[in-house]
Structure formats: structure tokens, C-alpha cells
Amino acid sequence: MSDRKYWIAVVSKEHVEWGVAGGFMQACHGKQAPLKRMQKGDGVIFYSSKERMTDTEKLQTFTAIGEVADDLIYPFSMSDTFVPYRRNIKFKECRAVSIIPLINQLTFIADKRSWGYPFRYGFLEISEGDFNLIGAQMLF
């Protein structure tokens, strides 16, 4: 039995793209706690409800997939007043995939009519089966 876990981080597409370019992730406005739940080798999928944090238009897309690269959690100074925590991620080549056609198959979504509910906290653990289902659509 593997100790590997699987996660979804809710992050705007713009911020996901910054993370992919830099090989890192931030979650929940830079909080350390979600990152501490992860271990080296865990799988992570990024769900982007919007293109940018300030947008009102919905995106509802899985935008990146990867693996936790190491055991490091580190602060990164983005400004004098904002120092979020980061984790290194080995991102995989992938395509963005809408969540809409997958909703009925995803087990972490108990109420298919209120399917967005599990994403409300910005970070959640999912099953290996759900990770593989989403990953099969994303990976080339």
C-alpha cells in the first residue's frame, strides 16, 4: 500500500501559469498549512474556477497537473507585505480540461447539483481514482 496522496488546489489560471513557469505552487493565499499536508511524491491537480482572481467570468477548468518534488516548504517574498509559502512541483505536460463533463464521474463530488461545494476551501484531498480520471483527460 502506498502512502501517496492526491490533492486538488484551487488557483486562478493566471497564478497556475506563474507556478508552472517557476516550478512551484502556492495555495489558499499563500498559507503554509495546506502545503504541510503534502509529501514528496504526492500528486496535485490545479482547478481554476477563473482566469484571474478578480474575474467574474467562469473558467471551471483543470489547468495543471504535477507531483510534489521534495520536502521543502519555504516563504517567498513577493512584496514587503506579502510573503506566501511555496512548494516545489514537477509539472507534467498537459492540456486544460473542463470539469463539466467529468462531474458525474468524480467521487469527491457527492452532490452533483452543487458540484462546486468541495472547492470552497481551496485545497482538498481526492482519491487515486479521481486523480487518475482527471489525469487521463489532461495528459498527452
N, C-alpha and C. Protein backbone atom coordinates (compact mmCIF):
# COMPACT_ATOMS: atom_id res chain seq x y z
N MET A 1 0.84 -1.19 0.00
CA MET A 1 0.00 0.00 0.00
C MET A 1 0.88 1.25 0.00
N SER A 2 0.53 2.18 -0.84
CA SER A 2 1.32 3.40 -0.97
C SER A 2 0.82 4.48 -0.02
N ASP A 3 1.74 5.31 0.43
CA ASP A 3 1.38 6.45 1.26
C ASP A 3 1.10 7.68 0.41
N ARG A 4 1.20 7.53 -0.90
CA ARG A 4 1.00 8.65 -1.80
C ARG A 4 -0.44 9.16 -1.68
N LYS A 5 -0.58 10.48 -1.65
CA LYS A 5 -1.89 11.11 -1.59
C LYS A 5 -2.08 11.97 -2.83
N TYR A 6 -3.32 12.39 -3.02
CA TYR A 6 -3.69 13.14 -4.21
C TYR A 6 -4.51 14.36 -3.79
N TRP A 7 -4.23 15.48 -4.43
CA TRP A 7 -4.79 16.76 -4.00
C TRP A 7 -5.32 17.56 -5.18
N ILE A 8 -6.26 18.45 -4.86
CA ILE A 8 -6.67 19.49 -5.79
C ILE A 8 -6.44 20.82 -5.09
N ALA A 9 -5.75 21.72 -5.77
CA ALA A 9 -5.56 23.09 -5.30
C ALA A 9 -6.38 24.00 -6.21
N VAL A 10 -7.17 24.86 -5.62
CA VAL A 10 -8.00 25.80 -6.38
C VAL A 10 -7.21 27.09 -6.51
N VAL A 11 -6.81 27.39 -7.75
CA VAL A 11 -5.91 28.52 -8.02
C VAL A 11 -6.32 29.12 -9.37
N SER A 12 -6.34 30.44 -9.46
CA SER A 12 -6.68 31.06 -10.74
C SER A 12 -5.69 30.60 -11.82
N LYS A 13 -6.17 30.55 -13.06
CA LYS A 13 -5.31 30.09 -14.16
C LYS A 13 -4.04 30.94 -14.27
N GLU A 14 -4.18 32.23 -14.10
CA GLU A 14 -3.02 33.11 -14.19
C GLU A 14 -1.96 32.72 -13.16
N HIS A 15 -2.37 32.45 -11.94
CA HIS A 15 -1.42 32.06 -10.89
C HIS A 15 -0.86 30.66 -11.13
N VAL A 16 -1.67 29.77 -11.68
CA VAL A 16 -1.17 28.44 -12.04
C VAL A 16 -0.05 28.59 -13.07
N GLU A 17 -0.26 29.43 -14.06
CA GLU A 17 0.77 29.62 -15.09
C GLU A 17 2.06 30.16 -14.50
N TRP A 18 1.99 31.04 -13.53
CA TRP A 18 3.20 31.53 -12.86
C TRP A 18 3.90 30.37 -12.15
N GLY A 19 3.11 29.52 -11.48
CA GLY A 19 3.69 28.38 -10.79
C GLY A 19 4.34 27.38 -11.74
N VAL A 20 3.67 27.08 -12.85
CA VAL A 20 4.24 26.16 -13.83
C VAL A 20 5.56 26.71 -14.36
N ALA A 21 5.58 28.00 -14.68
CA ALA A 21 6.81 28.63 -15.20
C ALA A 21 7.94 28.57 -14.18
N GLY A 22 7.61 28.67 -12.89
CA GLY A 22 8.63 28.68 -11.85
C GLY A 22 8.83 27.37 -11.13
N GLY A 23 8.01 26.36 -11.43
CA GLY A 23 8.15 25.06 -10.79
C GLY A 23 7.71 25.04 -9.33
N PHE A 24 6.69 25.83 -8.99
CA PHE A 24 6.23 25.91 -7.59
C PHE A 24 4.72 26.01 -7.54
N MET A 25 4.17 25.86 -6.34
CA MET A 25 2.76 26.13 -6.09
C MET A 25 2.61 26.92 -4.81
N GLN A 26 1.54 27.69 -4.76
CA GLN A 26 1.05 28.34 -3.55
C GLN A 26 -0.41 27.95 -3.46
N ALA A 27 -0.93 27.91 -2.24
CA ALA A 27 -2.34 27.56 -2.07
C ALA A 27 -2.96 28.43 -0.99
N CYS A 28 -4.25 28.65 -1.12
CA CYS A 28 -5.02 29.35 -0.08
C CYS A 28 -4.38 30.68 0.32
N HIS A 29 -4.09 31.49 -0.67
CA HIS A 29 -3.50 32.82 -0.47
C HIS A 29 -2.16 32.76 0.25
N GLY A 30 -1.39 31.72 -0.05
CA GLY A 30 -0.03 31.62 0.47
C GLY A 30 0.10 30.99 1.84
N LYS A 31 -0.96 30.39 2.36
CA LYS A 31 -0.88 29.77 3.68
C LYS A 31 0.01 28.54 3.66
N GLN A 32 0.66 28.30 4.78
CA GLN A 32 1.58 27.18 4.92
C GLN A 32 0.85 25.86 5.21
N ALA A 33 -0.26 25.92 5.92
CA ALA A 33 -0.95 24.71 6.39
C ALA A 33 -1.30 23.71 5.29
N PRO A 34 -1.89 24.13 4.16
CA PRO A 34 -2.20 23.14 3.14
C PRO A 34 -0.95 22.46 2.58
N LEU A 35 0.11 23.22 2.44
CA LEU A 35 1.35 22.67 1.89
C LEU A 35 1.96 21.63 2.83
N LYS A 36 1.75 21.80 4.14
CA LYS A 36 2.27 20.85 5.12
C LYS A 36 1.56 19.50 5.05
N ARG A 37 0.37 19.46 4.49
CA ARG A 37 -0.38 18.21 4.37
C ARG A 37 0.20 17.32 3.27
N MET A 38 0.97 17.90 2.38
CA MET A 38 1.52 17.18 1.24
C MET A 38 2.88 16.58 1.58
N GLN A 39 3.23 15.52 0.81
CA GLN A 39 4.53 14.88 0.95
C GLN A 39 5.17 14.74 -0.42
N LYS A 40 6.47 14.60 -0.43
CA LYS A 40 7.19 14.35 -1.68
C LYS A 40 6.54 13.16 -2.38
N GLY A 41 6.28 13.32 -3.69
CA GLY A 41 5.68 12.26 -4.49
C GLY A 41 4.17 12.32 -4.61
N ASP A 42 3.51 13.12 -3.77
CA ASP A 42 2.06 13.26 -3.88
C ASP A 42 1.69 13.89 -5.22
N GLY A 43 0.53 13.52 -5.73
CA GLY A 43 0.02 14.10 -6.96
C GLY A 43 -0.85 15.31 -6.66
N VAL A 44 -0.79 16.30 -7.52
CA VAL A 44 -1.61 17.50 -7.35
C VAL A 44 -2.16 17.97 -8.69
N ILE A 45 -3.44 18.29 -8.68
CA ILE A 45 -4.11 18.85 -9.85
C ILE A 45 -4.59 20.24 -9.47
N PHE A 46 -4.48 21.16 -10.40
CA PHE A 46 -4.90 22.54 -10.16
C PHE A 46 -6.21 22.80 -10.89
N TYR A 47 -7.20 23.26 -10.12
CA TYR A 47 -8.50 23.61 -10.66
C TYR A 47 -8.63 25.13 -10.65
N SER A 48 -8.96 25.68 -11.79
CA SER A 48 -9.10 27.14 -11.92
C SER A 48 -10.55 27.46 -12.22
N SER A 49 -11.21 28.06 -11.24
CA SER A 49 -12.60 28.47 -11.47
C SER A 49 -12.66 29.72 -12.34
N LYS A 50 -11.55 30.48 -12.34
CA LYS A 50 -11.48 31.72 -13.12
C LYS A 50 -10.10 31.88 -13.75
N GLU A 51 -10.03 32.71 -14.77
CA GLU A 51 -8.76 33.03 -15.42
C GLU A 51 -7.86 33.81 -14.45
N ARG A 52 -8.41 34.86 -13.85
CA ARG A 52 -7.70 35.70 -12.87
C ARG A 52 -8.54 35.81 -11.61
N MET A 53 -7.91 36.05 -10.49
CA MET A 53 -8.63 36.14 -9.21
C MET A 53 -9.76 37.17 -9.26
N THR A 54 -9.55 38.26 -9.95
CA THR A 54 -10.54 39.35 -9.96
C THR A 54 -11.62 39.19 -11.01
N ASP A 55 -11.52 38.18 -11.86
CA ASP A 55 -12.51 37.98 -12.92
C ASP A 55 -13.85 37.54 -12.35
N THR A 56 -14.90 37.85 -13.09
CA THR A 56 -16.22 37.36 -12.73
C THR A 56 -16.65 36.22 -13.66
N GLU A 57 -16.05 36.15 -14.84
CA GLU A 57 -16.39 35.10 -15.80
C GLU A 57 -15.82 33.76 -15.34
N LYS A 58 -16.63 32.71 -15.45
CA LYS A 58 -16.23 31.38 -15.01
C LYS A 58 -15.31 30.70 -16.03
N LEU A 59 -14.34 29.94 -15.51
CA LEU A 59 -13.46 29.13 -16.35
C LEU A 59 -13.76 27.64 -16.12
N GLN A 60 -13.82 27.20 -14.87
CA GLN A 60 -14.20 25.84 -14.46
C GLN A 60 -13.38 24.76 -15.16
N THR A 61 -12.06 24.89 -15.04
CA THR A 61 -11.14 24.04 -15.78
C THR A 61 -10.00 23.53 -14.90
N PHE A 62 -9.60 22.28 -15.13
CA PHE A 62 -8.38 21.76 -14.53
C PHE A 62 -7.25 22.27 -15.42
N THR A 63 -6.29 22.98 -14.84
CA THR A 63 -5.31 23.71 -15.65
C THR A 63 -3.87 23.19 -15.56
N ALA A 64 -3.55 22.38 -14.57
CA ALA A 64 -2.19 21.84 -14.47
C ALA A 64 -2.22 20.59 -13.59
N ILE A 65 -1.20 19.77 -13.78
CA ILE A 65 -1.07 18.53 -13.01
C ILE A 65 0.42 18.30 -12.75
N GLY A 66 0.73 17.79 -11.57
CA GLY A 66 2.13 17.54 -11.26
C GLY A 66 2.30 16.69 -10.01
N GLU A 67 3.53 16.70 -9.52
CA GLU A 67 3.93 15.89 -8.38
C GLU A 67 4.77 16.75 -7.45
N VAL A 68 4.58 16.58 -6.15
CA VAL A 68 5.39 17.29 -5.17
C VAL A 68 6.84 16.83 -5.33
N ALA A 69 7.74 17.78 -5.57
CA ALA A 69 9.12 17.47 -5.94
C ALA A 69 10.03 17.10 -4.77
N ASP A 70 9.78 17.67 -3.60
CA ASP A 70 10.69 17.48 -2.48
C ASP A 70 9.96 17.76 -1.17
N ASP A 71 10.70 17.85 -0.08
CA ASP A 71 10.10 18.07 1.24
C ASP A 71 10.13 19.53 1.68
N LEU A 72 10.56 20.43 0.81
CA LEU A 72 10.72 21.83 1.18
C LEU A 72 9.41 22.61 1.15
N ILE A 73 9.19 23.39 2.19
CA ILE A 73 8.14 24.41 2.22
C ILE A 73 8.88 25.69 2.61
N TYR A 74 8.72 26.71 1.79
CA TYR A 74 9.55 27.89 2.03
C TYR A 74 8.77 29.18 1.78
N PRO A 75 9.10 30.23 2.55
CA PRO A 75 8.48 31.53 2.30
C PRO A 75 9.14 32.20 1.09
N PHE A 76 8.36 32.98 0.38
CA PHE A 76 8.88 33.71 -0.78
C PHE A 76 8.32 35.13 -0.73
N SER A 77 9.20 36.09 -0.66
CA SER A 77 8.77 37.49 -0.55
C SER A 77 8.34 38.04 -1.91
N MET A 78 7.05 38.27 -2.05
CA MET A 78 6.52 38.85 -3.28
C MET A 78 6.44 40.37 -3.17
N SER A 79 6.35 40.86 -1.93
CA SER A 79 6.36 42.30 -1.66
C SER A 79 6.71 42.49 -0.19
N ASP A 80 6.79 43.72 0.24
CA ASP A 80 7.08 43.99 1.65
C ASP A 80 5.97 43.48 2.58
N THR A 81 4.77 43.36 2.04
CA THR A 81 3.64 42.98 2.87
C THR A 81 3.07 41.60 2.55
N PHE A 82 3.60 40.92 1.55
CA PHE A 82 3.07 39.60 1.17
C PHE A 82 4.20 38.61 0.99
N VAL A 83 4.28 37.65 1.92
CA VAL A 83 5.31 36.61 1.89
C VAL A 83 4.61 35.25 1.99
N PRO A 84 4.14 34.74 0.85
CA PRO A 84 3.45 33.45 0.86
C PRO A 84 4.42 32.28 0.96
N TYR A 85 3.87 31.12 1.31
CA TYR A 85 4.65 29.89 1.35
C TYR A 85 4.48 29.16 0.03
N ARG A 86 5.54 28.46 -0.36
CA ARG A 86 5.55 27.73 -1.63
C ARG A 86 6.06 26.30 -1.43
N ARG A 87 5.74 25.48 -2.42
CA ARG A 87 6.27 24.11 -2.52
C ARG A 87 6.69 23.87 -3.94
N ASN A 88 7.79 23.15 -4.12
CA ASN A 88 8.28 22.84 -5.46
C ASN A 88 7.45 21.70 -6.06
N ILE A 89 7.08 21.88 -7.33
CA ILE A 89 6.25 20.90 -8.04
C ILE A 89 6.92 20.54 -9.35
N LYS A 90 6.91 19.25 -9.68
CA LYS A 90 7.33 18.79 -11.01
C LYS A 90 6.07 18.72 -11.86
N PHE A 91 5.87 19.73 -12.67
CA PHE A 91 4.68 19.78 -13.52
C PHE A 91 4.85 18.89 -14.73
N LYS A 92 3.74 18.34 -15.21
CA LYS A 92 3.73 17.48 -16.38
C LYS A 92 3.12 18.24 -17.56
N GLU A 93 3.58 17.90 -18.76
CA GLU A 93 2.97 18.45 -19.97
C GLU A 93 1.51 18.01 -19.97
N CYS A 94 0.61 18.96 -20.16
CA CYS A 94 -0.80 18.61 -20.15
C CYS A 94 -1.63 19.63 -20.91
N ARG A 95 -2.88 19.29 -21.10
CA ARG A 95 -3.85 20.22 -21.69
C ARG A 95 -4.87 20.56 -20.60
N ALA A 96 -5.44 21.74 -20.68
CA ALA A 96 -6.51 22.13 -19.76
C ALA A 96 -7.78 21.37 -20.12
N VAL A 97 -8.56 20.99 -19.10
CA VAL A 97 -9.76 20.19 -19.31
C VAL A 97 -10.90 20.76 -18.47
N SER A 98 -12.04 20.95 -19.10
CA SER A 98 -13.23 21.41 -18.38
C SER A 98 -13.67 20.36 -17.37
N ILE A 99 -14.13 20.82 -16.21
CA ILE A 99 -14.66 19.90 -15.20
C ILE A 99 -16.06 19.40 -15.57
N ILE A 100 -16.79 20.17 -16.35
CA ILE A 100 -18.21 19.89 -16.59
C ILE A 100 -18.49 18.46 -17.05
N PRO A 101 -17.79 17.92 -18.08
CA PRO A 101 -18.10 16.55 -18.49
C PRO A 101 -17.66 15.47 -17.50
N LEU A 102 -16.88 15.83 -16.50
CA LEU A 102 -16.36 14.85 -15.53
C LEU A 102 -17.16 14.81 -14.23
N ILE A 103 -18.00 15.79 -13.99
CA ILE A 103 -18.69 15.92 -12.70
C ILE A 103 -19.38 14.63 -12.26
N ASN A 104 -20.13 14.00 -13.14
CA ASN A 104 -20.89 12.80 -12.75
C ASN A 104 -20.01 11.61 -12.43
N GLN A 105 -18.75 11.63 -12.85
CA GLN A 105 -17.84 10.51 -12.60
C GLN A 105 -16.96 10.72 -11.38
N LEU A 106 -16.83 11.96 -10.90
CA LEU A 106 -15.91 12.26 -9.79
C LEU A 106 -16.55 11.93 -8.45
N THR A 107 -15.91 11.06 -7.69
CA THR A 107 -16.48 10.60 -6.42
C THR A 107 -16.38 11.64 -5.31
N PHE A 108 -15.44 12.59 -5.41
CA PHE A 108 -15.33 13.60 -4.35
C PHE A 108 -16.45 14.63 -4.43
N ILE A 109 -17.22 14.61 -5.51
CA ILE A 109 -18.38 15.49 -5.65
C ILE A 109 -19.61 14.66 -5.32
N ALA A 110 -20.06 14.76 -4.07
CA ALA A 110 -21.20 13.96 -3.61
C ALA A 110 -22.52 14.46 -4.20
N ASP A 111 -22.73 15.75 -4.18
CA ASP A 111 -23.97 16.34 -4.69
C ASP A 111 -23.69 16.94 -6.06
N LYS A 112 -24.09 16.25 -7.09
CA LYS A 112 -23.77 16.66 -8.46
C LYS A 112 -24.45 17.99 -8.82
N ARG A 113 -25.54 18.35 -8.17
CA ARG A 113 -26.21 19.63 -8.45
C ARG A 113 -25.44 20.80 -7.84
N SER A 114 -24.78 20.57 -6.72
CA SER A 114 -23.96 21.60 -6.06
C SER A 114 -22.49 21.20 -6.16
N TRP A 115 -22.06 20.90 -7.35
CA TRP A 115 -20.75 20.30 -7.57
C TRP A 115 -19.59 21.18 -7.15
N GLY A 116 -19.76 22.49 -7.08
CA GLY A 116 -18.67 23.38 -6.70
C GLY A 116 -18.36 23.39 -5.21
N TYR A 117 -19.24 22.82 -4.41
CA TYR A 117 -19.09 22.86 -2.96
C TYR A 117 -17.74 22.34 -2.45
N PRO A 118 -17.22 21.22 -2.94
CA PRO A 118 -15.93 20.72 -2.42
C PRO A 118 -14.75 21.67 -2.62
N PHE A 119 -14.87 22.62 -3.54
CA PHE A 119 -13.77 23.53 -3.84
C PHE A 119 -13.72 24.76 -2.93
N ARG A 120 -14.68 24.92 -2.06
CA ARG A 120 -14.84 26.17 -1.30
C ARG A 120 -13.66 26.53 -0.41
N TYR A 121 -12.92 25.55 0.08
CA TYR A 121 -11.78 25.85 0.96
C TYR A 121 -10.47 26.01 0.20
N GLY A 122 -10.46 25.72 -1.08
CA GLY A 122 -9.29 25.97 -1.90
C GLY A 122 -8.26 24.86 -1.96
N PHE A 123 -8.46 23.81 -1.16
CA PHE A 123 -7.47 22.72 -1.15
C PHE A 123 -8.16 21.48 -0.60
N LEU A 124 -8.10 20.37 -1.34
CA LEU A 124 -8.77 19.17 -0.86
C LEU A 124 -8.06 17.91 -1.32
N GLU A 125 -8.19 16.88 -0.49
CA GLU A 125 -7.64 15.58 -0.84
C GLU A 125 -8.68 14.83 -1.66
N ILE A 126 -8.21 14.12 -2.69
CA ILE A 126 -9.10 13.31 -3.53
C ILE A 126 -8.55 11.89 -3.61
N SER A 127 -9.35 10.99 -4.13
CA SER A 127 -8.93 9.60 -4.26
C SER A 127 -7.97 9.42 -5.44
N GLU A 128 -7.25 8.33 -5.42
CA GLU A 128 -6.37 8.00 -6.54
C GLU A 128 -7.19 7.82 -7.82
N GLY A 129 -8.38 7.22 -7.68
CA GLY A 129 -9.24 7.02 -8.84
C GLY A 129 -9.66 8.33 -9.49
N ASP A 130 -10.04 9.31 -8.67
CA ASP A 130 -10.42 10.62 -9.21
C ASP A 130 -9.22 11.31 -9.85
N PHE A 131 -8.06 11.20 -9.20
CA PHE A 131 -6.83 11.78 -9.76
C PHE A 131 -6.54 11.18 -11.12
N ASN A 132 -6.64 9.86 -11.23
CA ASN A 132 -6.35 9.18 -12.48
C ASN A 132 -7.38 9.50 -13.56
N LEU A 133 -8.64 9.65 -13.17
CA LEU A 133 -9.69 10.01 -14.12
C LEU A 133 -9.41 11.38 -14.74
N ILE A 134 -9.11 12.36 -13.91
CA ILE A 134 -8.82 13.71 -14.40
C ILE A 134 -7.51 13.69 -15.19
N GLY A 135 -6.49 13.04 -14.64
CA GLY A 135 -5.20 12.96 -15.29
C GLY A 135 -5.25 12.33 -16.68
N ALA A 136 -6.11 11.32 -16.84
CA ALA A 136 -6.23 10.65 -18.14
C ALA A 136 -6.74 11.63 -19.21
N GLN A 137 -7.53 12.60 -18.81
CA GLN A 137 -8.03 13.61 -19.74
C GLN A 137 -7.00 14.69 -20.02
N MET A 138 -6.15 14.96 -19.04
CA MET A 138 -5.19 16.07 -19.14
C MET A 138 -3.88 15.70 -19.82
N LEU A 139 -3.39 14.50 -19.55
CA LEU A 139 -2.05 14.12 -20.00
C LEU A 139 -2.06 13.68 -21.46
N PHE A 140 -0.99 14.00 -22.15
CA PHE A 140 -0.87 13.63 -23.58
C PHE A 140 -0.52 12.16 -23.72
